[in-house]
C-alpha atoms as a PDB file:
ATOM      1  CA  UNK A   1     -12.262   8.948  81.465  1.00  0.00           C
ATOM      2  CA  UNK A   2     -13.722   7.152  84.476  1.00  0.00           C
ATOM      3  CA  UNK A   3     -11.054   7.247  87.208  1.00  0.00           C
ATOM      4  CA  UNK A   4     -12.321   4.026  88.782  1.00  0.00           C
ATOM      5  CA  UNK A   5     -11.646   2.086  85.570  1.00  0.00           C
ATOM      6  CA  UNK A   6      -8.150   3.565  85.317  1.00  0.00           C
ATOM      7  CA  UNK A   7      -7.378   2.631  88.923  1.00  0.00           C
ATOM      8  CA  UNK A   8      -8.660  -0.933  88.439  1.00  0.00           C
ATOM      9  CA  UNK A   9      -6.614  -1.398  85.238  1.00  0.00           C
ATOM     10  CA  UNK A  10      -3.481   0.073  86.816  1.00  0.00           C
ATOM     11  CA  UNK A  11      -3.573  -1.952  90.022  1.00  0.00           C
ATOM     12  CA  UNK A  12      -4.783  -5.188  88.432  1.00  0.00           C
ATOM     13  CA  UNK A  13      -1.953  -4.942  85.893  1.00  0.00           C
ATOM     14  CA  UNK A  14       0.657  -4.309  88.573  1.00  0.00           C
ATOM     15  CA  UNK A  15      -0.653  -6.982  90.938  1.00  0.00           C
ATOM     16  CA  UNK A  16      -1.083  -9.644  88.266  1.00  0.00           C
ATOM     17  CA  UNK A  17       2.435  -9.031  86.937  1.00  0.00           C
ATOM     18  CA  UNK A  18       3.884  -9.305  90.432  1.00  0.00           C
ATOM     19  CA  UNK A  19       2.120 -12.605  91.137  1.00  0.00           C
ATOM     20  CA  UNK A  20       3.090 -13.985  87.712  1.00  0.00           C
ATOM     21  CA  UNK A  21       6.734 -13.015  88.256  1.00  0.00           C
ATOM     22  CA  UNK A  22       6.717 -14.762  91.635  1.00  0.00           C
ATOM     23  CA  UNK A  23       5.252 -17.947  90.129  1.00  0.00           C
ATOM     24  CA  UNK A  24       7.801 -17.957  87.282  1.00  0.00           C
ATOM     25  CA  UNK A  25      10.648 -17.409  89.775  1.00  0.00           C
ATOM     26  CA  UNK A  26       9.522 -20.412  91.829  1.00  0.00           C
ATOM     27  CA  UNK A  27       9.983 -22.710  88.796  1.00  0.00           C
ATOM     28  CA  UNK A  28       7.062 -24.948  89.779  1.00  0.00           C
ATOM     29  CA  UNK A  29       6.929 -26.804  86.481  1.00  0.00           C
ATOM     30  CA  UNK A  30       6.027 -26.264  82.878  1.00  0.00           C
ATOM     31  CA  UNK A  31       2.233 -26.107  83.214  1.00  0.00           C
ATOM     32  CA  UNK A  32       2.174 -23.764  86.207  1.00  0.00           C
ATOM     33  CA  UNK A  33       4.757 -21.512  84.558  1.00  0.00           C
ATOM     34  CA  UNK A  34       2.592 -21.475  81.429  1.00  0.00           C
ATOM     35  CA  UNK A  35      -0.388 -20.298  83.466  1.00  0.00           C
ATOM     36  CA  UNK A  36       1.810 -17.605  85.001  1.00  0.00           C
ATOM     37  CA  UNK A  37       2.432 -16.383  81.444  1.00  0.00           C
ATOM     38  CA  UNK A  38      -1.342 -16.316  80.891  1.00  0.00           C
ATOM     39  CA  UNK A  39      -1.540 -14.076  83.964  1.00  0.00           C
ATOM     40  CA  UNK A  40       1.229 -11.910  82.468  1.00  0.00           C
ATOM     41  CA  UNK A  41      -0.864 -11.615  79.281  1.00  0.00           C
ATOM     42  CA  UNK A  42      -3.866 -10.354  81.252  1.00  0.00           C
ATOM     43  CA  UNK A  43      -1.595  -7.921  83.074  1.00  0.00           C
ATOM     44  CA  UNK A  44      -0.242  -6.585  79.785  1.00  0.00           C
ATOM     45  CA  UNK A  45      -3.756  -6.142  78.394  1.00  0.00           C
ATOM     46  CA  UNK A  46      -4.817  -4.216  81.503  1.00  0.00           C
ATOM     47  CA  UNK A  47      -1.725  -2.008  81.392  1.00  0.00           C
ATOM     48  CA  UNK A  48      -2.154  -1.345  77.669  1.00  0.00           C
ATOM     49  CA  UNK A  49      -5.693  -0.179  78.412  1.00  0.00           C
ATOM     50  CA  UNK A  50      -4.556   1.991  81.300  1.00  0.00           C
ATOM     51  CA  UNK A  51      -1.629   3.352  79.313  1.00  0.00           C
ATOM     52  CA  UNK A  52      -3.703   4.560  76.399  1.00  0.00           C
ATOM     53  CA  UNK A  53      -6.774   5.645  78.366  1.00  0.00           C
ATOM     54  CA  UNK A  54      -4.763   7.801  80.789  1.00  0.00           C
ATOM     55  CA  UNK A  55      -3.181  10.687  78.901  1.00  0.00           C
ATOM     56  CA  UNK A  56      -0.045  10.649  81.066  1.00  0.00           C
ATOM     57  CA  UNK A  57       0.680   6.904  80.836  1.00  0.00           C
ATOM     58  CA  UNK A  58       1.171   6.230  77.132  1.00  0.00           C
ATOM     59  CA  UNK A  59       4.707   4.902  77.694  1.00  0.00           C
ATOM     60  CA  UNK A  60       3.340   2.077  79.837  1.00  0.00           C
ATOM     61  CA  UNK A  61       0.906   1.255  77.039  1.00  0.00           C
ATOM     62  CA  UNK A  62       3.684   0.972  74.459  1.00  0.00           C
ATOM     63  CA  UNK A  63       5.914  -1.013  76.816  1.00  0.00           C
ATOM     64  CA  UNK A  64       3.110  -3.494  77.441  1.00  0.00           C
ATOM     65  CA  UNK A  65       2.433  -3.962  73.748  1.00  0.00           C
ATOM     66  CA  UNK A  66       5.987  -5.327  73.567  1.00  0.00           C
ATOM     67  CA  UNK A  67       5.538  -7.335  76.774  1.00  0.00           C
ATOM     68  CA  UNK A  68       2.280  -8.796  75.447  1.00  0.00           C
ATOM     69  CA  UNK A  69       4.233 -10.286  72.548  1.00  0.00           C
ATOM     70  CA  UNK A  70       6.915 -11.652  74.874  1.00  0.00           C
ATOM     71  CA  UNK A  71       4.297 -13.113  77.214  1.00  0.00           C
ATOM     72  CA  UNK A  72       2.460 -14.709  74.291  1.00  0.00           C
ATOM     73  CA  UNK A  73       5.726 -16.501  73.432  1.00  0.00           C
ATOM     74  CA  UNK A  74       5.798 -17.785  77.024  1.00  0.00           C
ATOM     75  CA  UNK A  75       2.240 -19.094  76.716  1.00  0.00           C
ATOM     76  CA  UNK A  76       3.172 -20.777  73.428  1.00  0.00           C
ATOM     77  CA  UNK A  77       6.350 -22.378  74.814  1.00  0.00           C
ATOM     78  CA  UNK A  78       4.938 -23.588  78.114  1.00  0.00           C
ATOM     79  CA  UNK A  79       1.286 -24.428  77.361  1.00  0.00           C
ATOM     80  CA  UNK A  80       0.832 -24.975  73.633  1.00  0.00           C
ATOM     81  CA  UNK A  81       4.090 -26.216  72.091  1.00  0.00           C
ATOM     82  CA  UNK A  82       4.939 -29.883  72.505  1.00  0.00           C
ATOM     83  CA  UNK A  83       8.704 -29.257  72.370  1.00  0.00           C
ATOM     84  CA  UNK A  84      10.720 -29.590  75.538  1.00  0.00           C
ATOM     85  CA  UNK A  85      11.538 -26.345  77.284  1.00  0.00           C
ATOM     86  CA  UNK A  86      15.277 -25.984  77.807  1.00  0.00           C
ATOM     87  CA  UNK A  87      16.448 -25.909  81.430  1.00  0.00           C
END
């Protein structure tokens, strides 16, 4: 496996998740929080790729399959659904 791809997936996933977590913690409103969940989704996809392409990182891949589902719920609640988000 190309090491450059693995490094890009690993560090993009970590960086994107960190930025998304910061944005969610700032509670800047429904729409911005929804876009933070989109960023979480891209992070999960990158970390799933890294997890299953790197033979020693499969656990991260499985964890991010679960997180991808959770993050998709966040996208649904904050960007797609018309129901009010509970405070």
